[in-house]
Amino acid sequence: MTDRAVAVVRPGALTTVQDLGRAGYAHLGVPRSGALDPAAVRLVNRLVGNAETAAVLETTVDGCALRPRCAVTVAVGGAPCPVRVDGRPAAWGTAVRVGAGAVLEVGAAVRGLRSYVAFGGGVDVPPVLGSRSTDLLSGLGPEPLTEDVVLPLGADSAVRGPVDAPPWPGPPDTLVLRIRLGPRDDWFTAASLRSLATRAYRVSPASNRIGLRLEGPSLERAVPGELASEGMVLGAVQVPPDGRPVVFLADHPTTGGYPVVGVVREADLGAAAQAVPGTAVRFVPTR
């Protein structure tokens, strides 16, 4: 194997390879997948001189540790976290040079949930349907990282883009999700729709890359029975039989049989991906 590679020392709770996803295959039952916080991916890639579409690592909660086999430029962004190289503090949110054989330690998130690690040249695992992303629902792409796995890296361009400061404000204390009602809002009572627009929910610990599960007021149905399976899109707010909404994220299924009360704007989903369990959530209906 080429020396342009990085070995996994500590995989963390869940670390996966992600890029901006494999859009365009929903008709084949393949989700978009990709990084849950795409703005963070674009930023860390710019910091190390990659194209914004290059594959990075997405960590969850407690980071990871990695040992590059070659000297490489690295940037860690997304959720703020401590960064160390061979035990010495290193910068978060900027490009850092890591020597061959040194251990890069990406620590636990201080705020938010998911940090992103970009390497000059990108993570060069084989693409599947045009993307290197790990899809936890369909199983496409590389497996989540495990100890001693070695990931190949692409050729480093050595050209760094100008970035003055990482524009990452951290997750809000209250997550505000703009939602366009429909297509099945008529399946719910008027009182339920008022609750959705005026009451607070909280992020459930059962949330994952498939969906942001919410705790709070149960939405009462006006129409009994079940739907035939319908297509699902990123940001769809599906309501299962318990009445508590689920906001679909990158690894969501492409079809589903529970009614969708509305769809959250895609621009709001990066913040949703960083919302820790217990975060207050409010829906704001828009046109």
Protein backbone atom coordinates (compact mmCIF):
# COMPACT_ATOMS: atom_id res chain seq x y z
CA MET A 1 0.00 0.00 0.00
CA THR A 2 1.16 3.55 -0.76
CA ASP A 3 2.56 5.59 2.10
CA ARG A 4 -0.09 8.22 1.35
CA ALA A 5 -2.45 6.71 3.90
CA VAL A 6 -3.67 7.11 7.46
CA ALA A 7 -4.14 4.36 10.05
CA VAL A 8 -6.90 4.38 12.66
CA VAL A 9 -5.58 4.26 16.23
CA ARG A 10 -8.91 4.94 17.97
CA PRO A 11 -12.13 4.90 15.92
CA GLY A 12 -14.34 6.63 18.50
CA ALA A 13 -18.06 6.02 19.00
CA LEU A 14 -18.86 6.41 15.29
CA THR A 15 -16.46 7.75 12.69
CA THR A 16 -17.33 7.44 9.02
CA VAL A 17 -16.01 8.57 5.66
CA GLN A 18 -18.27 11.27 4.20
CA ASP A 19 -18.38 13.68 1.30
CA LEU A 20 -21.30 15.71 -0.07
CA GLY A 21 -23.28 12.55 -0.87
CA ARG A 22 -24.63 10.55 -3.80
CA ALA A 23 -27.58 12.62 -4.99
CA GLY A 24 -29.72 11.43 -7.88
CA TYR A 25 -30.37 7.79 -7.00
CA ALA A 26 -33.53 7.99 -4.88
CA HIS A 27 -35.48 6.33 -7.70
CA LEU A 28 -33.24 3.28 -7.12
CA GLY A 29 -33.88 3.33 -3.37
CA VAL A 30 -30.46 4.86 -2.58
CA PRO A 31 -30.41 7.76 -0.08
CA ARG A 32 -28.25 10.82 -0.65
CA SER A 33 -26.21 10.12 2.48
CA GLY A 34 -23.14 12.38 2.83
CA ALA A 35 -21.98 14.60 5.67
CA LEU A 36 -24.70 15.80 8.05
CA ASP A 37 -23.02 19.24 8.28
CA PRO A 38 -21.99 19.97 4.68
CA ALA A 39 -20.93 23.56 5.41
CA ALA A 40 -18.30 22.22 7.84
CA VAL A 41 -17.04 19.77 5.19
CA ARG A 42 -16.67 22.53 2.59
CA LEU A 43 -14.73 24.63 5.07
CA VAL A 44 -12.23 22.01 6.25
CA ASN A 45 -11.62 20.99 2.64
CA ARG A 46 -10.86 24.59 1.66
CA LEU A 47 -8.48 24.88 4.61
CA VAL A 48 -6.31 22.01 3.34
CA GLY A 49 -6.55 22.92 -0.36
CA ASN A 50 -9.00 20.23 -1.44
CA ALA A 51 -12.00 20.48 -3.71
CA GLU A 52 -15.09 20.93 -1.57
CA THR A 53 -16.31 17.51 -2.72
CA ALA A 54 -13.31 15.63 -1.28
CA ALA A 55 -14.04 12.91 1.29
CA VAL A 56 -13.35 13.63 4.97
CA LEU A 57 -13.96 11.87 8.28
CA GLU A 58 -17.10 12.61 10.30
CA THR A 59 -16.69 11.87 14.03
CA THR A 60 -19.53 11.57 16.54
CA VAL A 61 -19.35 12.80 20.16
CA ASP A 62 -15.90 11.56 21.22
CA GLY A 63 -13.63 12.09 18.19
CA CYS A 64 -10.97 9.65 17.04
CA ALA A 65 -7.19 9.16 16.84
CA LEU A 66 -5.25 8.67 13.60
CA ARG A 67 -1.66 8.03 12.54
CA PRO A 68 -0.74 9.25 9.03
CA ARG A 69 1.94 7.26 7.23
CA CYS A 70 3.14 10.42 5.46
CA ALA A 71 3.44 14.07 6.35
CA VAL A 72 0.05 15.59 5.62
CA THR A 73 -1.89 18.82 6.10
CA VAL A 74 -4.98 18.33 8.29
CA ALA A 75 -7.87 20.55 9.38
CA VAL A 76 -10.45 19.75 12.05
CA GLY A 77 -13.75 21.66 12.01
CA GLY A 78 -17.45 21.26 12.67
CA ALA A 79 -18.10 20.81 16.38
CA PRO A 80 -15.29 22.49 18.37
CA CYS A 81 -13.03 19.96 20.08
CA PRO A 82 -9.48 19.71 21.45
CA VAL A 83 -6.87 18.70 18.88
CA ARG A 84 -3.47 17.22 19.75
CA VAL A 85 -0.52 15.99 17.71
CA ASP A 86 1.68 13.51 19.62
CA GLY A 87 0.16 14.84 22.84
CA ARG A 88 0.84 18.50 22.12
CA PRO A 89 -2.07 20.93 21.63
CA ALA A 90 -2.77 21.89 18.02
CA ALA A 91 -5.19 24.32 16.44
CA TRP A 92 -8.83 23.60 15.69
CA GLY A 93 -10.36 25.28 12.65
CA THR A 94 -7.15 25.85 10.71
CA ALA A 95 -4.62 23.89 8.67
CA VAL A 96 -2.08 21.91 10.72
CA ARG A 97 0.90 19.94 9.43
CA VAL A 98 1.13 16.44 10.91
CA GLY A 99 4.34 14.46 10.43
CA ALA A 100 4.57 10.86 9.26
CA GLY A 101 3.98 8.52 12.20
CA ALA A 102 2.63 11.23 14.52
CA VAL A 103 -0.69 10.62 16.26
CA LEU A 104 -3.45 13.11 15.55
CA GLU A 105 -5.95 13.07 18.41
CA VAL A 106 -9.38 14.58 17.73
CA GLY A 107 -11.01 14.97 21.12
CA ALA A 108 -14.60 14.94 22.33
CA ALA A 109 -16.88 17.67 21.03
CA VAL A 110 -17.10 20.63 23.39
CA ARG A 111 -20.27 21.92 21.71
CA GLY A 112 -22.31 20.07 19.13
CA LEU A 113 -21.93 16.43 18.13
CA ARG A 114 -19.97 15.98 14.91
CA SER A 115 -16.45 17.09 14.04
CA TYR A 116 -14.88 16.79 10.59
CA VAL A 117 -11.29 15.88 9.72
CA ALA A 118 -9.93 16.80 6.27
CA PHE A 119 -6.59 15.59 4.90
CA GLY A 120 -4.74 17.20 2.02
CA GLY A 121 -5.67 15.07 -0.99
CA GLY A 122 -8.84 13.74 0.66
CA VAL A 123 -9.72 10.24 1.85
CA ASP A 124 -9.33 8.22 -1.36
CA VAL A 125 -11.46 5.13 -0.76
CA PRO A 126 -13.19 3.77 -3.91
CA PRO A 127 -16.36 5.71 -4.78
CA VAL A 128 -19.72 3.93 -4.99
CA LEU A 129 -22.29 5.55 -7.30
CA GLY A 130 -20.10 8.63 -7.47
CA SER A 131 -19.61 9.11 -3.71
CA ARG A 132 -17.23 7.88 -1.02
CA SER A 133 -19.80 8.37 1.74
CA THR A 134 -20.70 5.71 4.27
CA ASP A 135 -24.46 5.13 4.22
CA LEU A 136 -25.57 3.47 7.45
CA LEU A 137 -29.03 2.64 6.11
CA SER A 138 -28.20 0.98 2.78
CA GLY A 139 -24.70 -0.21 3.67
CA LEU A 140 -23.11 1.47 0.65
CA GLY A 141 -19.62 2.90 0.96
CA PRO A 142 -16.88 1.99 3.44
CA GLU A 143 -17.69 0.50 6.82
CA PRO A 144 -17.53 2.78 9.88
CA LEU A 145 -13.94 3.04 11.07
CA THR A 146 -12.47 0.34 13.29
CA GLU A 147 -9.08 0.09 14.99
CA ASP A 148 -6.09 -0.51 12.65
CA VAL A 149 -8.03 0.18 9.44
CA VAL A 150 -5.83 2.00 6.91
CA LEU A 151 -7.41 4.62 4.64
CA PRO A 152 -5.68 5.74 1.43
CA LEU A 153 -5.19 9.46 0.79
CA GLY A 154 -5.23 11.25 -2.55
CA ALA A 155 -2.46 13.43 -3.95
CA ASP A 156 -2.02 16.68 -2.00
CA SER A 157 -2.38 19.78 -4.19
CA ALA A 158 -0.40 21.89 -1.67
CA VAL A 159 -2.58 24.88 -2.63
CA ARG A 160 -4.40 26.40 0.36
CA GLY A 161 -7.51 28.50 -0.09
CA PRO A 162 -7.79 31.87 1.70
CA VAL A 163 -9.99 31.46 4.79
CA ASP A 164 -9.85 34.21 7.41
CA ALA A 165 -11.77 32.43 10.17
CA PRO A 166 -13.99 29.36 10.39
CA PRO A 167 -17.61 30.62 10.17
CA TRP A 168 -19.00 28.10 12.62
CA PRO A 169 -21.04 29.73 15.41
CA GLY A 170 -21.69 26.52 17.32
CA PRO A 171 -25.10 24.92 17.83
CA PRO A 172 -27.86 27.23 19.07
CA ASP A 173 -29.43 26.81 22.48
CA THR A 174 -32.77 26.47 20.67
CA LEU A 175 -32.83 24.82 17.26
CA VAL A 176 -35.21 26.70 14.96
CA LEU A 177 -36.38 24.65 11.97
CA ARG A 178 -38.25 26.41 9.18
CA ILE A 179 -40.88 24.01 7.86
CA ARG A 180 -43.13 24.08 4.83
CA LEU A 181 -46.30 22.17 5.67
CA GLY A 182 -47.41 19.29 3.44
CA PRO A 183 -47.93 17.11 1.63
CA ARG A 184 -49.92 15.32 4.36
CA ASP A 185 -50.63 18.11 6.86
CA ASP A 186 -54.35 17.50 6.21
CA TRP A 187 -53.95 14.15 7.97
CA PHE A 188 -53.56 16.01 11.29
CA THR A 189 -56.00 18.00 13.42
CA ALA A 190 -55.89 21.78 13.46
CA ALA A 191 -54.91 21.62 17.14
CA SER A 192 -51.95 19.39 16.29
CA LEU A 193 -50.73 21.80 13.62
CA ARG A 194 -50.98 24.66 16.13
CA SER A 195 -48.93 22.60 18.60
CA LEU A 196 -46.30 21.95 15.94
CA ALA A 197 -45.98 25.68 15.28
CA THR A 198 -46.13 26.94 18.88
CA ARG A 199 -44.91 24.25 21.27
CA ALA A 200 -41.31 23.29 22.01
CA TYR A 201 -39.85 19.86 21.31
CA ARG A 202 -36.53 18.38 22.44
CA VAL A 203 -33.96 16.29 20.63
CA SER A 204 -34.19 12.64 21.64
CA PRO A 205 -31.09 10.55 22.47
CA ALA A 206 -32.44 8.04 19.91
CA SER A 207 -31.50 10.41 17.06
CA ASN A 208 -28.93 9.26 14.50
CA ARG A 209 -27.77 9.87 10.93
CA ILE A 210 -31.14 8.65 9.63
CA GLY A 211 -33.31 11.07 11.56
CA LEU A 212 -33.59 13.63 14.33
CA ARG A 213 -36.14 12.10 16.70
CA LEU A 214 -38.05 14.54 18.86
CA GLU A 215 -39.70 14.37 22.26
CA GLY A 216 -42.70 16.57 23.01
CA PRO A 217 -46.34 17.07 22.04
CA SER A 218 -47.85 14.16 20.15
CA LEU A 219 -49.52 15.15 16.88
CA GLU A 220 -53.06 13.82 16.74
CA ARG A 221 -54.25 12.40 13.45
CA ALA A 222 -57.45 13.60 11.77
CA VAL A 223 -57.36 10.80 9.20
CA PRO A 224 -57.20 7.18 10.45
CA GLY A 225 -55.49 4.34 8.64
CA GLU A 226 -52.21 4.15 6.81
CA LEU A 227 -50.76 5.44 3.58
CA ALA A 228 -49.26 3.46 0.78
CA SER A 229 -45.50 4.03 0.73
CA GLU A 230 -44.53 7.42 -0.69
CA GLY A 231 -41.25 9.02 -1.66
CA MET A 232 -39.28 10.71 1.14
CA VAL A 233 -36.97 13.70 0.78
CA LEU A 234 -34.21 15.17 2.91
CA GLY A 235 -35.77 17.20 5.73
CA ALA A 236 -39.15 15.44 5.58
CA VAL A 237 -40.91 15.47 8.97
CA GLN A 238 -42.53 12.07 9.25
CA VAL A 239 -44.98 11.31 12.04
CA PRO A 240 -45.04 7.66 13.21
CA PRO A 241 -47.94 6.16 15.21
CA ASP A 242 -46.71 7.63 18.52
CA GLY A 243 -47.31 11.11 17.05
CA ARG A 244 -43.80 12.44 17.72
CA PRO A 245 -42.09 13.95 14.68
CA VAL A 246 -38.91 12.60 13.08
CA VAL A 247 -36.86 14.96 10.88
CA PHE A 248 -35.15 12.91 8.18
CA LEU A 249 -31.40 13.51 7.78
CA ALA A 250 -28.85 12.31 5.21
CA ASP A 251 -29.26 8.52 5.60
CA HIS A 252 -33.07 8.63 5.50
CA PRO A 253 -35.08 5.98 3.66
CA THR A 254 -36.28 6.96 0.20
CA THR A 255 -39.86 5.75 0.84
CA GLY A 256 -42.13 5.53 3.86
CA GLY A 257 -45.70 4.82 4.87
CA TYR A 258 -46.22 7.31 7.70
CA PRO A 259 -47.61 10.75 6.81
CA VAL A 260 -45.22 13.66 6.29
CA VAL A 261 -46.57 16.79 7.97
CA GLY A 262 -43.98 19.08 6.37
CA VAL A 263 -40.44 19.48 5.07
CA VAL A 264 -37.65 21.40 6.84
CA ARG A 265 -35.50 23.73 4.76
CA GLU A 266 -32.24 22.06 3.82
CA ALA A 267 -30.29 25.12 5.02
CA ASP A 268 -31.41 24.36 8.61
CA LEU A 269 -30.32 20.73 8.67
CA GLY A 270 -26.61 21.38 9.36
CA ALA A 271 -27.58 22.89 12.72
CA ALA A 272 -29.93 19.96 13.32
CA ALA A 273 -26.99 17.58 12.82
CA GLN A 274 -25.11 19.32 15.65
CA ALA A 275 -28.01 19.45 18.13
CA VAL A 276 -27.22 17.38 21.23
CA PRO A 277 -29.91 15.36 23.03
CA GLY A 278 -32.10 17.65 25.10
CA THR A 279 -31.75 20.66 22.78
CA ALA A 280 -34.99 22.63 22.50
CA VAL A 281 -36.51 22.57 19.00
CA ARG A 282 -39.11 24.92 17.54
CA PHE A 283 -40.77 24.66 14.13
CA VAL A 284 -41.54 27.84 12.21
CA PRO A 285 -44.02 27.32 9.35
CA THR A 286 -43.09 29.12 6.11
CA ARG A 287 -44.52 29.30 2.62
